[in-house]
Amino acid sequence: LRKTMWENAGIFRTKEGLLKALSDIE
């Protein structure tokens, strides 16, 4: 969880990255 949040929902965000984080969380 921590890894995907840091990589995909950190300082700089994109829709692609956020959707990746959401998929990982689910």
mmCIF file of all heavy atoms, coordinates in Angstrom:
data_MODEL
# 
_entry.id   MODEL 
# 
loop_
_atom_site.group_PDB 
_atom_site.id 
_atom_site.type_symbol 
_atom_site.label_atom_id 
_atom_site.label_alt_id 
_atom_site.label_comp_id 
_atom_site.label_asym_id 
_atom_site.label_entity_id 
_atom_site.label_seq_id 
_atom_site.pdbx_PDB_ins_code 
_atom_site.Cartn_x 
_atom_site.Cartn_y 
_atom_site.Cartn_z 
_atom_site.occupancy 
_atom_site.B_iso_or_equiv 
_atom_site.pdbx_formal_charge 
_atom_site.auth_seq_id 
_atom_site.auth_comp_id 
_atom_site.auth_asym_id 
_atom_site.auth_atom_id 
_atom_site.pdbx_PDB_model_num 
ATOM 1   N N   . LEU A 1 1  ? 0.841   -1.209 0.000   1.00 0.00 ? 1  LEU A N   1 
ATOM 2   C CA  . LEU A 1 1  ? 0.000   0.000  0.000   1.00 0.00 ? 1  LEU A CA  1 
ATOM 3   C C   . LEU A 1 1  ? 0.869   1.250  0.000   1.00 0.00 ? 1  LEU A C   1 
ATOM 4   O O   . LEU A 1 1  ? 0.678   2.172  -0.803  1.00 0.00 ? 1  LEU A O   1 
ATOM 5   C CB  . LEU A 1 1  ? -0.913  0.000  1.223   1.00 0.00 ? 1  LEU A CB  1 
ATOM 6   C CG  . LEU A 1 1  ? -1.655  1.320  1.501   1.00 0.00 ? 1  LEU A CG  1 
ATOM 7   C CD1 . LEU A 1 1  ? -2.641  1.625  0.380   1.00 0.00 ? 1  LEU A CD1 1 
ATOM 8   C CD2 . LEU A 1 1  ? -2.368  1.258  2.857   1.00 0.00 ? 1  LEU A CD2 1 
ATOM 9   N N   . ARG A 1 2  ? 1.840   1.298  0.887   1.00 0.00 ? 2  ARG A N   1 
ATOM 10  C CA  . ARG A 1 2  ? 2.696   2.475  1.009   1.00 0.00 ? 2  ARG A CA  1 
ATOM 11  C C   . ARG A 1 2  ? 3.483   2.717  -0.278  1.00 0.00 ? 2  ARG A C   1 
ATOM 12  O O   . ARG A 1 2  ? 3.661   3.863  -0.696  1.00 0.00 ? 2  ARG A O   1 
ATOM 13  C CB  . ARG A 1 2  ? 3.657   2.287  2.183   1.00 0.00 ? 2  ARG A CB  1 
ATOM 14  C CG  . ARG A 1 2  ? 2.983   2.374  3.538   1.00 0.00 ? 2  ARG A CG  1 
ATOM 15  C CD  . ARG A 1 2  ? 3.914   1.935  4.627   1.00 0.00 ? 2  ARG A CD  1 
ATOM 16  N NE  . ARG A 1 2  ? 3.397   2.253  5.956   1.00 0.00 ? 2  ARG A NE  1 
ATOM 17  C CZ  . ARG A 1 2  ? 3.886   1.738  7.083   1.00 0.00 ? 2  ARG A CZ  1 
ATOM 18  N NH1 . ARG A 1 2  ? 4.878   0.882  7.040   1.00 0.00 ? 2  ARG A NH1 1 
ATOM 19  N NH2 . ARG A 1 2  ? 3.360   2.093  8.251   1.00 0.00 ? 2  ARG A NH2 1 
ATOM 20  N N   . LYS A 1 3  ? 3.928   1.660  -0.884  1.00 0.00 ? 3  LYS A N   1 
ATOM 21  C CA  . LYS A 1 3  ? 4.718   1.784  -2.111  1.00 0.00 ? 3  LYS A CA  1 
ATOM 22  C C   . LYS A 1 3  ? 3.881   2.386  -3.242  1.00 0.00 ? 3  LYS A C   1 
ATOM 23  O O   . LYS A 1 3  ? 4.319   3.321  -3.925  1.00 0.00 ? 3  LYS A O   1 
ATOM 24  C CB  . LYS A 1 3  ? 5.257   0.419  -2.525  1.00 0.00 ? 3  LYS A CB  1 
ATOM 25  C CG  . LYS A 1 3  ? 6.172   0.435  -3.745  1.00 0.00 ? 3  LYS A CG  1 
ATOM 26  C CD  . LYS A 1 3  ? 6.763   -0.949 -3.974  1.00 0.00 ? 3  LYS A CD  1 
ATOM 27  C CE  . LYS A 1 3  ? 7.783   -0.936 -5.115  1.00 0.00 ? 3  LYS A CE  1 
ATOM 28  N NZ  . LYS A 1 3  ? 7.150   -0.729 -6.429  1.00 0.00 ? 3  LYS A NZ  1 
ATOM 29  N N   . THR A 1 4  ? 2.667   1.873  -3.449  1.00 0.00 ? 4  THR A N   1 
ATOM 30  C CA  . THR A 1 4  ? 1.853   2.387  -4.549  1.00 0.00 ? 4  THR A CA  1 
ATOM 31  C C   . THR A 1 4  ? 1.376   3.810  -4.278  1.00 0.00 ? 4  THR A C   1 
ATOM 32  O O   . THR A 1 4  ? 1.295   4.616  -5.203  1.00 0.00 ? 4  THR A O   1 
ATOM 33  C CB  . THR A 1 4  ? 0.654   1.460  -4.849  1.00 0.00 ? 4  THR A CB  1 
ATOM 34  O OG1 . THR A 1 4  ? 0.102   1.826  -6.120  1.00 0.00 ? 4  THR A OG1 1 
ATOM 35  C CG2 . THR A 1 4  ? -0.437  1.534  -3.786  1.00 0.00 ? 4  THR A CG2 1 
ATOM 36  N N   . MET A 1 5  ? 1.112   4.158  -3.025  1.00 0.00 ? 5  MET A N   1 
ATOM 37  C CA  . MET A 1 5  ? 0.712   5.529  -2.715  1.00 0.00 ? 5  MET A CA  1 
ATOM 38  C C   . MET A 1 5  ? 1.864   6.496  -2.974  1.00 0.00 ? 5  MET A C   1 
ATOM 39  O O   . MET A 1 5  ? 1.669   7.585  -3.525  1.00 0.00 ? 5  MET A O   1 
ATOM 40  C CB  . MET A 1 5  ? 0.239   5.632  -1.264  1.00 0.00 ? 5  MET A CB  1 
ATOM 41  C CG  . MET A 1 5  ? -1.114  4.980  -0.991  1.00 0.00 ? 5  MET A CG  1 
ATOM 42  S SD  . MET A 1 5  ? -2.471  5.717  -1.939  1.00 0.00 ? 5  MET A SD  1 
ATOM 43  C CE  . MET A 1 5  ? -2.593  7.329  -1.155  1.00 0.00 ? 5  MET A CE  1 
ATOM 44  N N   . TRP A 1 6  ? 3.073   6.111  -2.593  1.00 0.00 ? 6  TRP A N   1 
ATOM 45  C CA  . TRP A 1 6  ? 4.235   6.980  -2.796  1.00 0.00 ? 6  TRP A CA  1 
ATOM 46  C C   . TRP A 1 6  ? 4.528   7.166  -4.275  1.00 0.00 ? 6  TRP A C   1 
ATOM 47  O O   . TRP A 1 6  ? 4.824   8.272  -4.736  1.00 0.00 ? 6  TRP A O   1 
ATOM 48  C CB  . TRP A 1 6  ? 5.445   6.400  -2.074  1.00 0.00 ? 6  TRP A CB  1 
ATOM 49  C CG  . TRP A 1 6  ? 6.668   7.258  -2.176  1.00 0.00 ? 6  TRP A CG  1 
ATOM 50  C CD1 . TRP A 1 6  ? 7.767   7.047  -2.955  1.00 0.00 ? 6  TRP A CD1 1 
ATOM 51  C CD2 . TRP A 1 6  ? 6.910   8.498  -1.499  1.00 0.00 ? 6  TRP A CD2 1 
ATOM 52  N NE1 . TRP A 1 6  ? 8.684   8.061  -2.802  1.00 0.00 ? 6  TRP A NE1 1 
ATOM 53  C CE2 . TRP A 1 6  ? 8.185   8.969  -1.910  1.00 0.00 ? 6  TRP A CE2 1 
ATOM 54  C CE3 . TRP A 1 6  ? 6.176   9.255  -0.581  1.00 0.00 ? 6  TRP A CE3 1 
ATOM 55  C CZ2 . TRP A 1 6  ? 8.735   10.161 -1.431  1.00 0.00 ? 6  TRP A CZ2 1 
ATOM 56  C CZ3 . TRP A 1 6  ? 6.722   10.440 -0.101  1.00 0.00 ? 6  TRP A CZ3 1 
ATOM 57  C CH2 . TRP A 1 6  ? 7.981   10.884 -0.525  1.00 0.00 ? 6  TRP A CH2 1 
ATOM 58  N N   . GLU A 1 7  ? 4.423   6.083  -5.029  1.00 0.00 ? 7  GLU A N   1 
ATOM 59  C CA  . GLU A 1 7  ? 4.775   6.137  -6.452  1.00 0.00 ? 7  GLU A CA  1 
ATOM 60  C C   . GLU A 1 7  ? 3.678   6.746  -7.313  1.00 0.00 ? 7  GLU A C   1 
ATOM 61  O O   . GLU A 1 7  ? 3.971   7.385  -8.334  1.00 0.00 ? 7  GLU A O   1 
ATOM 62  C CB  . GLU A 1 7  ? 5.101   4.726  -6.951  1.00 0.00 ? 7  GLU A CB  1 
ATOM 63  C CG  . GLU A 1 7  ? 6.369   4.135  -6.340  1.00 0.00 ? 7  GLU A CG  1 
ATOM 64  C CD  . GLU A 1 7  ? 6.637   2.725  -6.818  1.00 0.00 ? 7  GLU A CD  1 
ATOM 65  O OE1 . GLU A 1 7  ? 5.749   2.149  -7.510  1.00 0.00 ? 7  GLU A OE1 1 
ATOM 66  O OE2 . GLU A 1 7  ? 7.721   2.182  -6.497  1.00 0.00 ? 7  GLU A OE2 1 
ATOM 67  N N   . ASN A 1 8  ? 2.415   6.580  -6.929  1.00 0.00 ? 8  ASN A N   1 
ATOM 68  C CA  . ASN A 1 8  ? 1.310   6.947  -7.813  1.00 0.00 ? 8  ASN A CA  1 
ATOM 69  C C   . ASN A 1 8  ? 0.387   8.042  -7.287  1.00 0.00 ? 8  ASN A C   1 
ATOM 70  O O   . ASN A 1 8  ? -0.439  8.563  -8.041  1.00 0.00 ? 8  ASN A O   1 
ATOM 71  C CB  . ASN A 1 8  ? 0.474   5.701  -8.121  1.00 0.00 ? 8  ASN A CB  1 
ATOM 72  C CG  . ASN A 1 8  ? 1.280   4.625  -8.826  1.00 0.00 ? 8  ASN A CG  1 
ATOM 73  O OD1 . ASN A 1 8  ? 1.852   4.858  -9.879  1.00 0.00 ? 8  ASN A OD1 1 
ATOM 74  N ND2 . ASN A 1 8  ? 1.343   3.437  -8.222  1.00 0.00 ? 8  ASN A ND2 1 
ATOM 75  N N   . ALA A 1 9  ? 0.494   8.390  -6.008  1.00 0.00 ? 9  ALA A N   1 
ATOM 76  C CA  . ALA A 1 9  ? -0.369  9.431  -5.446  1.00 0.00 ? 9  ALA A CA  1 
ATOM 77  C C   . ALA A 1 9  ? 0.453   10.385 -4.586  1.00 0.00 ? 9  ALA A C   1 
ATOM 78  O O   . ALA A 1 9  ? 0.003   10.848 -3.546  1.00 0.00 ? 9  ALA A O   1 
ATOM 79  C CB  . ALA A 1 9  ? -1.493  8.802  -4.618  1.00 0.00 ? 9  ALA A CB  1 
ATOM 80  N N   . GLY A 1 10 ? 1.675   10.660 -5.062  1.00 0.00 ? 10 GLY A N   1 
ATOM 81  C CA  . GLY A 1 10 ? 2.594   11.485 -4.300  1.00 0.00 ? 10 GLY A CA  1 
ATOM 82  C C   . GLY A 1 10 ? 2.565   12.947 -4.701  1.00 0.00 ? 10 GLY A C   1 
ATOM 83  O O   . GLY A 1 10 ? 1.505   13.524 -4.953  1.00 0.00 ? 10 GLY A O   1 
ATOM 84  N N   . ILE A 1 11 ? 3.729   13.550 -4.816  1.00 0.00 ? 11 ILE A N   1 
ATOM 85  C CA  . ILE A 1 11 ? 3.820   14.985 -5.100  1.00 0.00 ? 11 ILE A CA  1 
ATOM 86  C C   . ILE A 1 11 ? 3.268   15.317 -6.478  1.00 0.00 ? 11 ILE A C   1 
ATOM 87  O O   . ILE A 1 11 ? 2.517   16.269 -6.655  1.00 0.00 ? 11 ILE A O   1 
ATOM 88  C CB  . ILE A 1 11 ? 5.279   15.450 -4.987  1.00 0.00 ? 11 ILE A CB  1 
ATOM 89  C CG1 . ILE A 1 11 ? 5.779   15.270 -3.553  1.00 0.00 ? 11 ILE A CG1 1 
ATOM 90  C CG2 . ILE A 1 11 ? 5.409   16.922 -5.390  1.00 0.00 ? 11 ILE A CG2 1 
ATOM 91  C CD1 . ILE A 1 11 ? 7.246   15.599 -3.374  1.00 0.00 ? 11 ILE A CD1 1 
ATOM 92  N N   . PHE A 1 12 ? 3.658   14.525 -7.477  1.00 0.00 ? 12 PHE A N   1 
ATOM 93  C CA  . PHE A 1 12 ? 3.186   14.728 -8.845  1.00 0.00 ? 12 PHE A CA  1 
ATOM 94  C C   . PHE A 1 12 ? 2.246   13.587 -9.216  1.00 0.00 ? 12 PHE A C   1 
ATOM 95  O O   . PHE A 1 12 ? 2.608   12.416 -9.083  1.00 0.00 ? 12 PHE A O   1 
ATOM 96  C CB  . PHE A 1 12 ? 4.361   14.795 -9.822  1.00 0.00 ? 12 PHE A CB  1 
ATOM 97  C CG  . PHE A 1 12 ? 5.310   15.920 -9.540  1.00 0.00 ? 12 PHE A CG  1 
ATOM 98  C CD1 . PHE A 1 12 ? 6.612   15.664 -9.108  1.00 0.00 ? 12 PHE A CD1 1 
ATOM 99  C CD2 . PHE A 1 12 ? 4.918   17.238 -9.698  1.00 0.00 ? 12 PHE A CD2 1 
ATOM 100 C CE1 . PHE A 1 12 ? 7.488   16.698 -8.849  1.00 0.00 ? 12 PHE A CE1 1 
ATOM 101 C CE2 . PHE A 1 12 ? 5.793   18.283 -9.437  1.00 0.00 ? 12 PHE A CE2 1 
ATOM 102 C CZ  . PHE A 1 12 ? 7.077   18.018 -9.009  1.00 0.00 ? 12 PHE A CZ  1 
ATOM 103 N N   . ARG A 1 13 ? 1.050   13.920 -9.710  1.00 0.00 ? 13 ARG A N   1 
ATOM 104 C CA  . ARG A 1 13 ? 0.021   12.921 -9.950  1.00 0.00 ? 13 ARG A CA  1 
ATOM 105 C C   . ARG A 1 13 ? -0.480  12.980 -11.392 1.00 0.00 ? 13 ARG A C   1 
ATOM 106 O O   . ARG A 1 13 ? -0.494  14.043 -12.013 1.00 0.00 ? 13 ARG A O   1 
ATOM 107 C CB  . ARG A 1 13 ? -1.157  13.128 -8.986  1.00 0.00 ? 13 ARG A CB  1 
ATOM 108 C CG  . ARG A 1 13 ? -0.775  13.024 -7.519  1.00 0.00 ? 13 ARG A CG  1 
ATOM 109 C CD  . ARG A 1 13 ? -1.827  13.589 -6.597  1.00 0.00 ? 13 ARG A CD  1 
ATOM 110 N NE  . ARG A 1 13 ? -1.505  13.331 -5.193  1.00 0.00 ? 13 ARG A NE  1 
ATOM 111 C CZ  . ARG A 1 13 ? -2.216  13.763 -4.166  1.00 0.00 ? 13 ARG A CZ  1 
ATOM 112 N NH1 . ARG A 1 13 ? -3.307  14.520 -4.377  1.00 0.00 ? 13 ARG A NH1 1 
ATOM 113 N NH2 . ARG A 1 13 ? -1.863  13.473 -2.940  1.00 0.00 ? 13 ARG A NH2 1 
ATOM 114 N N   . THR A 1 14 ? -0.909  11.832 -11.884 1.00 0.00 ? 14 THR A N   1 
ATOM 115 C CA  . THR A 1 14 ? -1.571  11.742 -13.187 1.00 0.00 ? 14 THR A CA  1 
ATOM 116 C C   . THR A 1 14 ? -2.753  10.796 -13.045 1.00 0.00 ? 14 THR A C   1 
ATOM 117 O O   . THR A 1 14 ? -2.810  9.978  -12.111 1.00 0.00 ? 14 THR A O   1 
ATOM 118 C CB  . THR A 1 14 ? -0.630  11.182 -14.270 1.00 0.00 ? 14 THR A CB  1 
ATOM 119 O OG1 . THR A 1 14 ? -0.279  9.822  -13.926 1.00 0.00 ? 14 THR A OG1 1 
ATOM 120 C CG2 . THR A 1 14 ? 0.630   12.023 -14.406 1.00 0.00 ? 14 THR A CG2 1 
ATOM 121 N N   . LYS A 1 15 ? -3.691  10.891 -13.973 1.00 0.00 ? 15 LYS A N   1 
ATOM 122 C CA  . LYS A 1 15 ? -4.834  9.988  -13.941 1.00 0.00 ? 15 LYS A CA  1 
ATOM 123 C C   . LYS A 1 15 ? -4.371  8.544  -14.040 1.00 0.00 ? 15 LYS A C   1 
ATOM 124 O O   . LYS A 1 15 ? -4.877  7.667  -13.313 1.00 0.00 ? 15 LYS A O   1 
ATOM 125 C CB  . LYS A 1 15 ? -5.800  10.316 -15.085 1.00 0.00 ? 15 LYS A CB  1 
ATOM 126 C CG  . LYS A 1 15 ? -7.047  9.437  -15.091 1.00 0.00 ? 15 LYS A CG  1 
ATOM 127 C CD  . LYS A 1 15 ? -8.023  9.865  -16.183 1.00 0.00 ? 15 LYS A CD  1 
ATOM 128 C CE  . LYS A 1 15 ? -9.279  9.001  -16.147 1.00 0.00 ? 15 LYS A CE  1 
ATOM 129 N NZ  . LYS A 1 15 ? -10.260 9.416  -17.179 1.00 0.00 ? 15 LYS A NZ  1 
ATOM 130 N N   . GLU A 1 16 ? -3.422  8.291  -14.927 1.00 0.00 ? 16 GLU A N   1 
ATOM 131 C CA  . GLU A 1 16 ? -2.921  6.926  -15.098 1.00 0.00 ? 16 GLU A CA  1 
ATOM 132 C C   . GLU A 1 16 ? -2.337  6.384  -13.799 1.00 0.00 ? 16 GLU A C   1 
ATOM 133 O O   . GLU A 1 16 ? -2.625  5.252  -13.389 1.00 0.00 ? 16 GLU A O   1 
ATOM 134 C CB  . GLU A 1 16 ? -1.851  6.900  -16.196 1.00 0.00 ? 16 GLU A CB  1 
ATOM 135 C CG  . GLU A 1 16 ? -1.270  5.520  -16.457 1.00 0.00 ? 16 GLU A CG  1 
ATOM 136 C CD  . GLU A 1 16 ? -0.168  5.541  -17.498 1.00 0.00 ? 16 GLU A CD  1 
ATOM 137 O OE1 . GLU A 1 16 ? 0.214   6.642  -17.956 1.00 0.00 ? 16 GLU A OE1 1 
ATOM 138 O OE2 . GLU A 1 16 ? 0.331   4.454  -17.863 1.00 0.00 ? 16 GLU A OE2 1 
ATOM 139 N N   . GLY A 1 17 ? -1.521  7.189  -13.137 1.00 0.00 ? 17 GLY A N   1 
ATOM 140 C CA  . GLY A 1 17 ? -0.917  6.755  -11.889 1.00 0.00 ? 17 GLY A CA  1 
ATOM 141 C C   . GLY A 1 17 ? -1.942  6.554  -10.788 1.00 0.00 ? 17 GLY A C   1 
ATOM 142 O O   . GLY A 1 17 ? -1.870  5.587  -10.014 1.00 0.00 ? 17 GLY A O   1 
ATOM 143 N N   . LEU A 1 18 ? -2.905  7.465  -10.689 1.00 0.00 ? 18 LEU A N   1 
ATOM 144 C CA  . LEU A 1 18 ? -3.937  7.357  -9.658  1.00 0.00 ? 18 LEU A CA  1 
ATOM 145 C C   . LEU A 1 18 ? -4.806  6.127  -9.877  1.00 0.00 ? 18 LEU A C   1 
ATOM 146 O O   . LEU A 1 18 ? -5.185  5.445  -8.910  1.00 0.00 ? 18 LEU A O   1 
ATOM 147 C CB  . LEU A 1 18 ? -4.779  8.635  -9.641  1.00 0.00 ? 18 LEU A CB  1 
ATOM 148 C CG  . LEU A 1 18 ? -4.044  9.900  -9.180  1.00 0.00 ? 18 LEU A CG  1 
ATOM 149 C CD1 . LEU A 1 18 ? -4.865  11.139 -9.492  1.00 0.00 ? 18 LEU A CD1 1 
ATOM 150 C CD2 . LEU A 1 18 ? -3.733  9.828  -7.684  1.00 0.00 ? 18 LEU A CD2 1 
ATOM 151 N N   . LEU A 1 19 ? -5.140  5.836  -11.122 1.00 0.00 ? 19 LEU A N   1 
ATOM 152 C CA  . LEU A 1 19 ? -5.920  4.627  -11.412 1.00 0.00 ? 19 LEU A CA  1 
ATOM 153 C C   . LEU A 1 19 ? -5.119  3.372  -11.080 1.00 0.00 ? 19 LEU A C   1 
ATOM 154 O O   . LEU A 1 19 ? -5.681  2.372  -10.618 1.00 0.00 ? 19 LEU A O   1 
ATOM 155 C CB  . LEU A 1 19 ? -6.353  4.607  -12.876 1.00 0.00 ? 19 LEU A CB  1 
ATOM 156 C CG  . LEU A 1 19 ? -7.439  5.619  -13.256 1.00 0.00 ? 19 LEU A CG  1 
ATOM 157 C CD1 . LEU A 1 19 ? -7.668  5.630  -14.761 1.00 0.00 ? 19 LEU A CD1 1 
ATOM 158 C CD2 . LEU A 1 19 ? -8.755  5.316  -12.529 1.00 0.00 ? 19 LEU A CD2 1 
ATOM 159 N N   . LYS A 1 20 ? -3.801  3.432  -11.294 1.00 0.00 ? 20 LYS A N   1 
ATOM 160 C CA  . LYS A 1 20 ? -2.945  2.313  -10.905 1.00 0.00 ? 20 LYS A CA  1 
ATOM 161 C C   . LYS A 1 20 ? -2.977  2.124  -9.394  1.00 0.00 ? 20 LYS A C   1 
ATOM 162 O O   . LYS A 1 20 ? -3.106  0.993  -8.878  1.00 0.00 ? 20 LYS A O   1 
ATOM 163 C CB  . LYS A 1 20 ? -1.506  2.590  -11.364 1.00 0.00 ? 20 LYS A CB  1 
ATOM 164 C CG  . LYS A 1 20 ? -0.455  1.586  -10.869 1.00 0.00 ? 20 LYS A CG  1 
ATOM 165 C CD  . LYS A 1 20 ? -0.651  0.207  -11.464 1.00 0.00 ? 20 LYS A CD  1 
ATOM 166 C CE  . LYS A 1 20 ? 0.572   -0.684 -11.252 1.00 0.00 ? 20 LYS A CE  1 
ATOM 167 N NZ  . LYS A 1 20 ? 0.943   -0.909 -9.852  1.00 0.00 ? 20 LYS A NZ  1 
ATOM 168 N N   . ALA A 1 21 ? -2.883  3.234  -8.649  1.00 0.00 ? 21 ALA A N   1 
ATOM 169 C CA  . ALA A 1 21 ? -2.948  3.152  -7.186  1.00 0.00 ? 21 ALA A CA  1 
ATOM 170 C C   . ALA A 1 21 ? -4.281  2.580  -6.736  1.00 0.00 ? 21 ALA A C   1 
ATOM 171 O O   . ALA A 1 21 ? -4.337  1.714  -5.849  1.00 0.00 ? 21 ALA A O   1 
ATOM 172 C CB  . ALA A 1 21 ? -2.738  4.538  -6.573  1.00 0.00 ? 21 ALA A CB  1 
ATOM 173 N N   . LEU A 1 22 ? -5.366  3.054  -7.362  1.00 0.00 ? 22 LEU A N   1 
ATOM 174 C CA  . LEU A 1 22 ? -6.697  2.574  -6.990  1.00 0.00 ? 22 LEU A CA  1 
ATOM 175 C C   . LEU A 1 22 ? -6.829  1.079  -7.260  1.00 0.00 ? 22 LEU A C   1 
ATOM 176 O O   . LEU A 1 22 ? -7.384  0.336  -6.436  1.00 0.00 ? 22 LEU A O   1 
ATOM 177 C CB  . LEU A 1 22 ? -7.759  3.360  -7.756  1.00 0.00 ? 22 LEU A CB  1 
ATOM 178 C CG  . LEU A 1 22 ? -9.203  3.216  -7.264  1.00 0.00 ? 22 LEU A CG  1 
ATOM 179 C CD1 . LEU A 1 22 ? -9.335  3.719  -5.834  1.00 0.00 ? 22 LEU A CD1 1 
ATOM 180 C CD2 . LEU A 1 22 ? -10.142 3.977  -8.184  1.00 0.00 ? 22 LEU A CD2 1 
ATOM 181 N N   . SER A 1 23 ? -6.317  0.633  -8.384  1.00 0.00 ? 23 SER A N   1 
ATOM 182 C CA  . SER A 1 23 ? -6.360  -0.790 -8.720  1.00 0.00 ? 23 SER A CA  1 
ATOM 183 C C   . SER A 1 23 ? -5.563  -1.613 -7.706  1.00 0.00 ? 23 SER A C   1 
ATOM 184 O O   . SER A 1 23 ? -6.015  -2.673 -7.250  1.00 0.00 ? 23 SER A O   1 
ATOM 185 C CB  . SER A 1 23 ? -5.801  -1.006 -10.134 1.00 0.00 ? 23 SER A CB  1 
ATOM 186 O OG  . SER A 1 23 ? -5.713  -2.378 -10.439 1.00 0.00 ? 23 SER A OG  1 
ATOM 187 N N   . ASP A 1 24 ? -4.386  -1.104 -7.339  1.00 0.00 ? 24 ASP A N   1 
ATOM 188 C CA  . ASP A 1 24 ? -3.563  -1.806 -6.350  1.00 0.00 ? 24 ASP A CA  1 
ATOM 189 C C   . ASP A 1 24 ? -4.271  -1.897 -5.005  1.00 0.00 ? 24 ASP A C   1 
ATOM 190 O O   . ASP A 1 24 ? -4.248  -2.937 -4.335  1.00 0.00 ? 24 ASP A O   1 
ATOM 191 C CB  . ASP A 1 24 ? -2.223  -1.086 -6.180  1.00 0.00 ? 24 ASP A CB  1 
ATOM 192 C CG  . ASP A 1 24 ? -1.308  -1.241 -7.378  1.00 0.00 ? 24 ASP A CG  1 
ATOM 193 O OD1 . ASP A 1 24 ? -1.553  -2.141 -8.204  1.00 0.00 ? 24 ASP A OD1 1 
ATOM 194 O OD2 . ASP A 1 24 ? -0.346  -0.448 -7.491  1.00 0.00 ? 24 ASP A OD2 1 
ATOM 195 N N   . ILE A 1 25 ? -4.906  -0.789 -4.600  1.00 0.00 ? 25 ILE A N   1 
ATOM 196 C CA  . ILE A 1 25 ? -5.599  -0.770 -3.312  1.00 0.00 ? 25 ILE A CA  1 
ATOM 197 C C   . ILE A 1 25 ? -6.757  -1.759 -3.307  1.00 0.00 ? 25 ILE A C   1 
ATOM 198 O O   . ILE A 1 25 ? -6.969  -2.498 -2.327  1.00 0.00 ? 25 ILE A O   1 
ATOM 199 C CB  . ILE A 1 25 ? -6.100  0.659  -2.987  1.00 0.00 ? 25 ILE A CB  1 
ATOM 200 C CG1 . ILE A 1 25 ? -4.920  1.594  -2.769  1.00 0.00 ? 25 ILE A CG1 1 
ATOM 201 C CG2 . ILE A 1 25 ? -6.993  0.651  -1.749  1.00 0.00 ? 25 ILE A CG2 1 
ATOM 202 C CD1 . ILE A 1 25 ? -5.288  3.055  -2.736  1.00 0.00 ? 25 ILE A CD1 1 
ATOM 203 N N   . GLU A 1 26 ? -7.518  -1.793 -4.390  1.00 0.00 ? 26 GLU A N   1 
ATOM 204 C CA  . GLU A 1 26 ? -8.637  -2.734 -4.462  1.00 0.00 ? 26 GLU A CA  1 
ATOM 205 C C   . GLU A 1 26 ? -8.141  -4.172 -4.394  1.00 0.00 ? 26 GLU A C   1 
ATOM 206 O O   . GLU A 1 26 ? -8.767  -5.033 -3.767  1.00 0.00 ? 26 GLU A O   1 
ATOM 207 C CB  . GLU A 1 26 ? -9.436  -2.503 -5.751  1.00 0.00 ? 26 GLU A CB  1 
ATOM 208 C CG  . GLU A 1 26 ? -10.210 -1.190 -5.773  1.00 0.00 ? 26 GLU A CG  1 
ATOM 209 C CD  . GLU A 1 26 ? -11.157 -1.049 -4.591  1.00 0.00 ? 26 GLU A CD  1 
ATOM 210 O OE1 . GLU A 1 26 ? -11.861 -2.023 -4.264  1.00 0.00 ? 26 GLU A OE1 1 
ATOM 211 O OE2 . GLU A 1 26 ? -11.171 0.037  -3.990  1.00 0.00 ? 26 GLU A OE2 1 
# 
